[in-house]
Amino acid sequence: MDHIIGQQAPQASGSLMQDPLAQGQAAPQASAPLIMDGSEATFMQDVIEASRSIPVLVDFWADWCGPCKQLAPVLEKVVTAARGKVRLVKIDIEANRALAAQLTQIGLPLQSIPMVAVFWKGQILDLFQGALPESEIKKFVEGVLKAAGGGSLPATELLQEAAVAMETNQPAHAAELFSGVLGEEPENPKAWGGLIRAMLALDDEEAADAALADVPEKIKDAPEVAGARAALELKKEGRKAAQEMEEVHARLAANPDDYAARCELATGLNVAGKREEAADELLRVIKADPNWNEGAAKQQLFRFFEAWGHDDPATLAARRRLSSLLFS
């Protein structure tokens, strides 16, 4: 069944809040496990009362439900990675039919499982249905934490801190933070791409090569990894071009229309961090002959965009100029 995210969640109120099974229940203990099996007898304590201090995800499942068995380990992995910011209670609807019937009466769609509902402050905050992939579950939990004022998942916070470290010229610290994320999430493409770029910022191509080789096959073509790979390749090419700059300038002095030399100059400028100047050289070739060498200048410019990032100011400016040349 298609999943539902962000729908108007039913309110946990009325008879549920006054269930006689809940009378005399103690408040949840701070040491309560993050993942537990729940039941009708413990629902008020494990879910309703616990949700007054922490968002509680409730996984409604049944033994006959194949998708439920697919979802469970992924859900547990995400909750574990949240490091105490959310809890997970698993409810077998077949073993707790009275509870399931009561929850259905307040609007929970338990006729189609797996279904995960989030309780916060004693009310249902949000829910989804279906065996979602890990990335979607992370987004869902991020939304829950934001709504509950609990910030972000730890990995997200580390990535944000690492991005700041890169922007403030602290690549060594950024590398430590990216590595910390990978310790928790070994298939996180942002962390792998960031680690490779941090190694490049430290001028350690060998470490960048090693990190790239360690990227899991599953995410090797993710945009973040592809961009870092392009940056590594361009740096290697640029280092070689930089050694030949004197010759390149001599060739251009002799023949300003030596487009191969101009492309080599662009590569060297890029390694020197002169992105606008690098783009200028390639745009000059494209303006003169957009199809030169089967569009080599344009392809090189696209590689720059990938390496710089598609939101980089130099990328945005060069892309606008390229569009003007091609479509004017």
Protein backbone atom coordinates (compact mmCIF):
# COMPACT_ATOMS: atom_id res chain seq x y z
CA MET A 1 0.00 0.00 0.00
CA ASP A 2 1.15 3.56 -0.70
CA HIS A 3 2.55 5.25 2.37
CA ILE A 4 1.01 8.29 3.99
CA ILE A 5 3.19 11.02 5.45
CA GLY A 6 2.15 14.33 6.92
CA GLN A 7 -1.58 13.61 6.81
CA GLN A 8 -3.94 15.08 9.41
CA ALA A 9 -3.20 12.79 12.32
CA PRO A 10 -6.10 11.57 14.47
CA GLN A 11 -6.12 12.75 18.05
CA ALA A 12 -5.41 10.27 20.84
CA SER A 13 -8.14 11.23 23.24
CA GLY A 14 -11.41 10.12 24.76
CA SER A 15 -11.67 6.51 25.88
CA LEU A 16 -8.03 5.79 25.07
CA MET A 17 -6.81 8.35 27.58
CA GLN A 18 -9.22 6.98 30.20
CA ASP A 19 -8.57 3.28 29.68
CA PRO A 20 -9.02 1.53 33.04
CA LEU A 21 -5.91 -0.51 32.25
CA ALA A 22 -3.93 2.71 32.70
CA GLN A 23 -5.14 3.43 36.24
CA GLY A 24 -2.26 3.59 38.67
CA GLN A 25 0.39 3.33 35.96
CA ALA A 26 3.72 4.86 36.94
CA ALA A 27 5.46 7.45 34.80
CA PRO A 28 8.06 6.03 32.38
CA GLN A 29 11.53 5.62 33.77
CA ALA A 30 14.41 7.60 32.29
CA SER A 31 16.25 4.33 31.81
CA ALA A 32 13.49 2.80 29.66
CA PRO A 33 14.90 1.07 26.55
CA LEU A 34 14.75 2.95 23.26
CA ILE A 35 13.20 -0.06 21.49
CA MET A 36 10.66 -2.32 23.19
CA ASP A 37 7.69 -4.58 22.63
CA GLY A 38 4.44 -3.07 23.84
CA SER A 39 1.03 -4.40 24.73
CA GLU A 40 -2.44 -3.27 25.68
CA ALA A 41 -1.47 -3.46 29.35
CA THR A 42 1.57 -1.20 28.94
CA PHE A 43 0.37 1.11 26.16
CA MET A 44 -0.52 4.03 28.41
CA GLN A 45 2.84 3.93 30.18
CA ASP A 46 5.12 3.03 27.27
CA VAL A 47 3.46 5.28 24.70
CA ILE A 48 1.06 7.92 25.99
CA GLU A 49 2.91 8.84 29.19
CA ALA A 50 6.38 8.40 27.68
CA SER A 51 5.43 10.69 24.78
CA ARG A 52 5.08 13.60 27.19
CA SER A 53 8.87 13.85 27.29
CA ILE A 54 10.04 12.18 24.05
CA PRO A 55 8.45 11.36 20.66
CA VAL A 56 7.41 7.70 20.60
CA LEU A 57 7.14 5.82 17.31
CA VAL A 58 4.69 2.92 17.48
CA ASP A 59 5.19 0.18 14.91
CA PHE A 60 1.95 -1.76 14.40
CA TRP A 61 2.72 -5.15 12.89
CA ALA A 62 1.61 -8.79 12.63
CA ASP A 63 3.49 -12.02 12.11
CA TRP A 64 1.70 -12.72 8.81
CA CYS A 65 2.74 -9.31 7.38
CA GLY A 66 5.77 -9.63 5.09
CA PRO A 67 6.34 -5.87 4.64
CA CYS A 68 6.26 -5.50 8.44
CA LYS A 69 9.28 -7.79 8.69
CA GLN A 70 11.08 -5.72 6.03
CA LEU A 71 10.35 -2.46 7.82
CA ALA A 72 11.25 -3.51 11.38
CA PRO A 73 15.08 -3.73 11.11
CA VAL A 74 15.29 -0.49 9.13
CA LEU A 75 13.09 1.32 11.61
CA GLU A 76 15.14 0.00 14.53
CA LYS A 77 18.35 1.11 12.81
CA VAL A 78 17.09 4.68 12.39
CA VAL A 79 15.79 4.86 15.97
CA THR A 80 19.10 3.52 17.31
CA ALA A 81 21.02 6.11 15.27
CA ALA A 82 18.84 8.85 16.80
CA ARG A 83 20.67 8.22 20.10
CA GLY A 84 17.80 8.71 22.49
CA LYS A 85 15.90 11.47 20.68
CA VAL A 86 12.99 9.13 19.90
CA ARG A 87 11.73 5.77 21.16
CA LEU A 88 10.16 2.83 19.37
CA VAL A 89 7.36 0.63 20.72
CA LYS A 90 6.33 -2.40 18.66
CA ILE A 91 2.71 -3.56 18.91
CA ASP A 92 1.56 -6.92 17.52
CA ILE A 93 -2.04 -6.14 16.50
CA GLU A 94 -3.01 -9.82 16.52
CA ALA A 95 -1.88 -10.27 20.12
CA ASN A 96 -3.50 -6.97 21.13
CA ARG A 97 -6.81 -6.97 19.26
CA ALA A 98 -8.75 -4.93 21.81
CA LEU A 99 -6.14 -2.16 21.69
CA ALA A 100 -6.07 -2.28 17.88
CA ALA A 101 -9.87 -1.98 17.78
CA GLN A 102 -9.79 0.98 20.15
CA LEU A 103 -7.11 2.76 18.11
CA THR A 104 -9.02 2.09 14.90
CA GLN A 105 -12.02 3.84 16.45
CA ILE A 106 -10.00 7.05 16.87
CA GLY A 107 -8.94 6.96 13.22
CA LEU A 108 -5.70 4.98 12.98
CA PRO A 109 -5.76 3.00 9.69
CA LEU A 110 -4.69 -0.32 11.21
CA GLN A 111 -6.51 -2.25 8.49
CA SER A 112 -3.37 -1.74 6.38
CA ILE A 113 -0.06 -2.53 8.01
CA PRO A 114 2.80 -1.90 8.48
CA MET A 115 1.78 1.41 9.99
CA VAL A 116 3.89 3.62 12.18
CA ALA A 117 2.30 6.34 14.30
CA VAL A 118 4.19 8.97 16.28
CA PHE A 119 2.85 10.02 19.66
CA TRP A 120 3.95 13.32 21.16
CA LYS A 121 2.55 14.95 24.29
CA GLY A 122 -0.08 12.22 24.48
CA GLN A 123 -1.40 12.89 20.97
CA ILE A 124 -0.77 11.41 17.53
CA LEU A 125 1.63 13.76 15.75
CA ASP A 126 2.11 12.00 12.40
CA LEU A 127 2.08 8.58 10.77
CA PHE A 128 3.12 6.65 7.70
CA GLN A 129 2.14 3.37 6.10
CA GLY A 130 4.18 0.87 4.14
CA ALA A 131 7.74 -0.45 4.25
CA LEU A 132 9.59 2.76 3.41
CA PRO A 133 13.29 2.82 2.51
CA GLU A 134 15.75 3.98 5.14
CA SER A 135 16.20 7.41 3.54
CA GLU A 136 12.47 8.13 3.75
CA ILE A 137 12.26 6.95 7.34
CA LYS A 138 15.13 9.29 8.25
CA LYS A 139 13.28 12.19 6.63
CA PHE A 140 10.15 11.24 8.53
CA VAL A 141 11.99 11.14 11.88
CA GLU A 142 13.73 14.44 11.06
CA GLY A 143 10.28 15.96 10.54
CA VAL A 144 9.09 14.52 13.84
CA LEU A 145 12.07 15.96 15.71
CA LYS A 146 11.57 19.35 14.11
CA ALA A 147 7.88 19.37 15.02
CA ALA A 148 8.70 18.31 18.58
CA GLY A 149 11.46 20.89 18.94
CA GLY A 150 14.11 18.20 19.30
CA GLY A 151 16.51 19.39 16.61
CA SER A 152 17.85 16.89 14.09
CA LEU A 153 19.21 13.38 13.98
CA PRO A 154 22.80 13.20 15.31
CA ALA A 155 24.20 12.41 11.86
CA THR A 156 22.46 15.46 10.41
CA GLU A 157 23.89 17.65 13.15
CA LEU A 158 27.40 16.30 12.54
CA LEU A 159 27.07 16.94 8.80
CA GLN A 160 25.98 20.50 9.46
CA GLU A 161 28.92 21.04 11.79
CA ALA A 162 31.28 19.51 9.22
CA ALA A 163 29.95 21.83 6.52
CA VAL A 164 30.68 24.82 8.75
CA ALA A 165 34.18 23.47 9.40
CA MET A 166 34.83 23.25 5.65
CA GLU A 167 33.50 26.77 5.10
CA THR A 168 35.74 28.14 7.85
CA ASN A 169 38.87 26.41 6.53
CA GLN A 170 39.05 23.65 9.14
CA PRO A 171 39.27 20.56 6.87
CA ALA A 172 40.97 18.37 9.49
CA HIS A 173 38.08 18.90 11.92
CA ALA A 174 35.59 18.39 9.09
CA ALA A 175 37.24 15.07 8.21
CA GLU A 176 36.83 13.91 11.82
CA LEU A 177 33.14 14.84 11.77
CA PHE A 178 32.50 13.15 8.41
CA SER A 179 34.26 10.04 9.71
CA GLY A 180 32.04 10.15 12.79
CA VAL A 181 28.94 10.10 10.60
CA LEU A 182 30.30 7.16 8.61
CA GLY A 183 30.87 5.26 11.85
CA GLU A 184 27.11 5.42 12.39
CA GLU A 185 25.93 5.45 8.77
CA PRO A 186 28.48 3.75 6.48
CA GLU A 187 26.30 4.35 3.41
CA ASN A 188 25.83 8.10 3.88
CA PRO A 189 26.81 9.71 0.55
CA LYS A 190 27.08 13.23 1.99
CA ALA A 191 29.61 12.02 4.54
CA TRP A 192 31.69 10.16 1.92
CA GLY A 193 31.66 13.12 -0.46
CA GLY A 194 32.55 15.46 2.39
CA LEU A 195 35.40 13.24 3.59
CA ILE A 196 36.94 13.11 0.11
CA ARG A 197 36.69 16.88 -0.26
CA ALA A 198 38.20 17.38 3.21
CA MET A 199 41.17 15.24 2.19
CA LEU A 200 41.55 17.35 -0.96
CA ALA A 201 41.47 20.52 1.14
CA LEU A 202 44.27 19.01 3.22
CA ASP A 203 46.15 18.40 -0.06
CA ASP A 204 46.21 14.67 0.67
CA GLU A 205 45.30 13.09 -2.65
CA GLU A 206 46.38 9.65 -1.46
CA ALA A 207 43.88 9.75 1.40
CA ALA A 208 41.20 11.08 -0.95
CA ASP A 209 41.89 8.20 -3.35
CA ALA A 210 41.66 5.72 -0.47
CA ALA A 211 38.37 7.18 0.72
CA LEU A 212 36.93 7.07 -2.79
CA ALA A 213 37.96 3.42 -3.12
CA ASP A 214 36.15 2.64 0.15
CA VAL A 215 32.82 4.13 -0.91
CA PRO A 216 30.18 1.35 -0.87
CA GLU A 217 29.16 0.17 -4.32
CA LYS A 218 25.54 1.03 -3.58
CA ILE A 219 26.21 4.79 -3.39
CA LYS A 220 29.24 5.25 -5.64
CA ASP A 221 27.16 7.16 -8.20
CA ALA A 222 25.33 9.35 -5.68
CA PRO A 223 25.63 13.06 -6.61
CA GLU A 224 27.66 13.88 -3.51
CA VAL A 225 30.18 11.14 -4.29
CA ALA A 226 30.24 11.89 -8.02
CA GLY A 227 30.97 15.55 -7.29
CA ALA A 228 33.83 14.67 -4.96
CA ARG A 229 35.21 12.22 -7.53
CA ALA A 230 35.13 14.95 -10.18
CA ALA A 231 36.94 17.34 -7.82
CA LEU A 232 39.64 14.74 -7.21
CA GLU A 233 40.11 14.03 -10.91
CA LEU A 234 40.26 17.73 -11.75
CA LYS A 235 42.83 18.37 -9.04
CA LYS A 236 45.08 15.66 -10.47
CA GLU A 237 44.68 17.04 -13.97
CA GLY A 238 45.20 20.58 -12.74
CA ARG A 239 48.38 19.72 -10.88
CA LYS A 240 49.83 18.44 -14.13
CA ALA A 241 48.54 21.46 -16.02
CA ALA A 242 50.02 23.83 -13.43
CA GLN A 243 53.45 22.37 -14.07
CA GLU A 244 53.02 23.19 -17.75
CA MET A 245 51.54 26.69 -17.33
CA GLU A 246 54.52 28.48 -18.79
CA GLU A 247 54.27 26.43 -21.94
CA VAL A 248 50.49 26.93 -22.07
CA HIS A 249 50.82 30.71 -21.83
CA ALA A 250 53.46 30.65 -24.57
CA ARG A 251 51.14 28.66 -26.82
CA LEU A 252 48.30 31.11 -26.24
CA ALA A 253 50.57 34.08 -26.86
CA ALA A 254 51.50 32.56 -30.20
CA ASN A 255 47.94 31.56 -31.03
CA PRO A 256 44.99 32.89 -28.99
CA ASP A 257 42.77 30.37 -30.81
CA ASP A 258 44.67 27.37 -29.43
CA TYR A 259 41.58 25.99 -27.74
CA ALA A 260 43.36 22.96 -26.32
CA ALA A 261 45.81 25.26 -24.52
CA ARG A 262 42.93 27.40 -23.27
CA CYS A 263 41.22 24.32 -21.81
CA GLU A 264 44.48 23.34 -20.10
CA LEU A 265 44.72 26.86 -18.69
CA ALA A 266 41.17 26.55 -17.34
CA THR A 267 42.08 23.34 -15.56
CA GLY A 268 45.11 24.95 -13.97
CA LEU A 269 43.10 27.99 -12.86
CA ASN A 270 40.49 25.73 -11.30
CA VAL A 271 43.13 23.98 -9.16
CA ALA A 272 44.39 27.38 -8.08
CA GLY A 273 40.90 28.13 -6.80
CA LYS A 274 40.21 30.70 -9.51
CA ARG A 275 36.83 29.32 -10.52
CA GLU A 276 35.48 32.38 -12.30
CA GLU A 277 38.65 32.72 -14.38
CA ALA A 278 38.57 29.01 -15.21
CA ALA A 279 34.97 29.29 -16.40
CA ASP A 280 35.88 32.40 -18.42
CA GLU A 281 38.47 30.47 -20.43
CA LEU A 282 36.06 27.67 -21.27
CA LEU A 283 33.21 30.04 -22.09
CA ARG A 284 35.56 31.87 -24.45
CA VAL A 285 36.12 28.61 -26.35
CA ILE A 286 32.41 27.79 -26.37
CA LYS A 287 31.54 31.25 -27.68
CA ALA A 288 34.05 30.94 -30.51
CA ASP A 289 33.25 27.33 -31.43
CA PRO A 290 30.70 25.46 -29.27
CA ASN A 291 31.34 22.21 -31.16
CA TRP A 292 35.14 22.31 -30.99
CA ASN A 293 36.58 18.85 -30.35
CA GLU A 294 33.07 17.39 -30.03
CA GLY A 295 32.07 19.92 -27.40
CA ALA A 296 35.12 19.31 -25.18
CA ALA A 297 35.06 22.78 -23.59
CA LYS A 298 31.40 22.44 -22.67
CA GLN A 299 31.98 18.98 -21.20
CA GLN A 300 34.89 20.31 -19.15
CA LEU A 301 32.70 23.13 -17.86
CA PHE A 302 30.07 20.57 -16.82
CA ARG A 303 32.76 18.69 -14.89
CA PHE A 304 33.61 21.93 -13.11
CA PHE A 305 29.95 22.39 -12.19
CA GLU A 306 29.82 18.88 -10.76
CA ALA A 307 33.03 19.37 -8.79
CA TRP A 308 32.09 22.82 -7.48
CA GLY A 309 28.53 21.86 -6.63
CA HIS A 310 25.44 22.94 -8.54
CA ASP A 311 24.60 25.63 -5.97
CA ASP A 312 28.07 27.19 -5.93
CA PRO A 313 28.04 30.89 -6.94
CA ALA A 314 30.66 30.26 -9.64
CA THR A 315 28.53 27.45 -11.07
CA LEU A 316 25.37 29.57 -11.08
CA ALA A 317 27.11 32.51 -12.75
CA ALA A 318 28.82 30.37 -15.40
CA ARG A 319 25.64 28.43 -16.11
CA ARG A 320 23.76 31.67 -16.76
CA ARG A 321 26.45 32.82 -19.18
CA LEU A 322 26.48 29.42 -20.88
CA SER A 323 22.70 29.55 -21.34
CA SER A 324 23.02 33.02 -22.84
CA LEU A 325 25.60 31.77 -25.34
CA LEU A 326 23.70 28.66 -26.35
CA PHE A 327 20.17 30.05 -26.48
CA SER A 328 20.59 33.69 -27.47
